[in-house]
Amino acid sequence: MSSQPIFKVIFYNQGQIFEVFARQIYQSDLYGFIELEDMVFGEKSKMVVDPSEEKLKAEFDGVSRSYIPMHAIVRIDEVDKTGDAKIIEAKGNNISPFPMPAFTPKKTD
């Protein structure tokens, strides 16, 4: 493995599954969140452009740190090298949002 680890983080966001690569991840001081720092995207010299990776680059452009809710995380892997960051539609996959709480407060009229 390289001297600086790279993590592949897969998380659920608004009906889509995001797969991104980051050099630093850790539990946030904000309760219930994971922090992603130093996101890694493919090289700019590629001849073939992947639209989902370009969308991710645009979405995270200028972001120094991203806070992802723990319940949205699907998987975190430490990998040897980066792959293509991508967005996948969650329809038809076996991933669903975290269930709502069983207790709901009574409405007061």
Protein backbone atom coordinates (compact mmCIF):
# COMPACT_ATOMS: atom_id res chain seq x y z
CA MET A 1 0.00 0.00 0.00
CA SER A 2 1.06 3.57 -0.51
CA SER A 3 2.35 5.70 2.35
CA GLN A 4 -0.89 7.70 2.48
CA PRO A 5 -4.04 5.55 2.51
CA ILE A 6 -6.94 6.18 0.16
CA PHE A 7 -10.49 5.36 1.20
CA LYS A 8 -13.43 4.51 -1.03
CA VAL A 9 -16.61 5.78 0.59
CA ILE A 10 -20.02 4.70 -0.67
CA PHE A 11 -23.01 6.61 0.68
CA TYR A 12 -26.67 7.21 -0.07
CA ASN A 13 -27.77 10.76 -0.93
CA GLN A 14 -31.21 11.85 -2.18
CA GLY A 15 -32.09 8.68 -4.09
CA GLN A 16 -28.59 8.19 -5.47
CA ILE A 17 -25.54 6.22 -4.40
CA PHE A 18 -22.30 8.23 -4.39
CA GLU A 19 -18.93 6.49 -4.61
CA VAL A 20 -16.05 8.85 -3.82
CA PHE A 21 -12.40 8.57 -2.85
CA ALA A 22 -10.81 10.52 -0.01
CA ARG A 23 -7.40 10.56 1.66
CA GLN A 24 -8.76 11.34 5.15
CA ILE A 25 -11.94 10.18 6.87
CA TYR A 26 -12.81 10.29 10.53
CA GLN A 27 -15.67 10.61 12.98
CA SER A 28 -16.76 14.21 13.22
CA ASP A 29 -17.17 16.39 16.27
CA LEU A 30 -20.72 16.88 14.97
CA TYR A 31 -22.55 13.95 16.51
CA GLY A 32 -23.60 11.32 13.96
CA PHE A 33 -21.44 12.49 11.04
CA ILE A 34 -18.34 11.22 9.23
CA GLU A 35 -15.91 13.82 7.83
CA LEU A 36 -14.33 13.40 4.40
CA GLU A 37 -11.29 15.50 3.53
CA ASP A 38 -8.94 15.69 0.57
CA MET A 39 -11.23 14.08 -2.00
CA VAL A 40 -9.48 12.42 -4.92
CA PHE A 41 -10.87 12.43 -8.45
CA GLY A 42 -9.50 10.98 -11.71
CA GLU A 43 -6.74 12.64 -13.67
CA LYS A 44 -7.67 15.62 -15.81
CA SER A 45 -5.62 14.31 -18.73
CA LYS A 46 -8.06 11.49 -19.52
CA MET A 47 -9.43 11.44 -23.05
CA VAL A 48 -12.69 9.74 -22.07
CA VAL A 49 -14.89 11.82 -19.77
CA ASP A 50 -17.26 10.11 -17.35
CA PRO A 51 -20.35 12.35 -16.85
CA SER A 52 -21.06 11.09 -13.31
CA GLU A 53 -17.48 11.78 -12.21
CA GLU A 54 -17.66 15.25 -13.77
CA LYS A 55 -20.91 15.87 -11.86
CA LEU A 56 -19.20 14.81 -8.61
CA LYS A 57 -16.22 17.05 -9.33
CA ALA A 58 -18.56 19.98 -9.89
CA GLU A 59 -20.59 19.20 -6.75
CA PHE A 60 -17.51 18.96 -4.52
CA ASP A 61 -15.57 21.78 -6.22
CA GLY A 62 -14.28 24.16 -3.56
CA VAL A 63 -15.31 21.83 -0.71
CA SER A 64 -12.49 21.34 1.78
CA ARG A 65 -14.44 19.05 4.11
CA SER A 66 -17.72 17.19 3.71
CA TYR A 67 -19.90 15.89 6.54
CA ILE A 68 -21.82 12.71 5.70
CA PRO A 69 -24.49 11.36 8.11
CA MET A 70 -23.43 8.00 9.57
CA HIS A 71 -26.74 6.38 8.66
CA ALA A 72 -26.17 7.28 4.98
CA ILE A 73 -22.83 5.42 4.81
CA VAL A 74 -23.09 2.11 2.99
CA ARG A 75 -19.45 1.08 3.05
CA ILE A 76 -15.90 2.39 3.63
CA ASP A 77 -12.91 0.56 2.14
CA GLU A 78 -9.20 1.31 2.30
CA VAL A 79 -7.88 0.79 -1.24
CA ASP A 80 -4.48 0.69 -2.94
CA LYS A 81 -5.39 3.18 -5.68
CA THR A 82 -8.28 5.37 -6.72
CA GLY A 83 -10.91 4.32 -9.18
CA ASP A 84 -13.60 6.29 -10.92
CA ALA A 85 -15.86 8.29 -8.65
CA LYS A 86 -19.46 7.77 -9.69
CA ILE A 87 -23.12 8.37 -9.00
CA ILE A 88 -25.55 5.48 -9.35
CA GLU A 89 -29.34 5.72 -9.24
CA ALA A 90 -30.56 3.81 -6.18
CA LYS A 91 -33.71 2.51 -7.88
CA GLY A 92 -33.67 -1.26 -8.12
CA ASN A 93 -30.81 -1.61 -5.63
CA ASN A 94 -31.14 -3.13 -2.20
CA ILE A 95 -30.33 0.13 -0.45
CA SER A 96 -32.98 2.09 1.37
CA PRO A 97 -32.85 5.10 3.66
CA PHE A 98 -32.51 4.56 7.37
CA PRO A 99 -35.94 3.77 8.87
CA MET A 100 -37.91 6.50 10.55
CA PRO A 101 -38.15 6.44 14.36
CA ALA A 102 -40.78 4.19 15.85
CA PHE A 103 -41.92 6.90 18.24
CA THR A 104 -43.62 9.98 16.89
CA PRO A 105 -44.78 12.69 19.25
CA LYS A 106 -48.51 13.30 19.58
CA LYS A 107 -49.92 16.35 17.88
CA THR A 108 -51.23 18.94 20.25
CA ASP A 109 -54.20 20.96 19.07
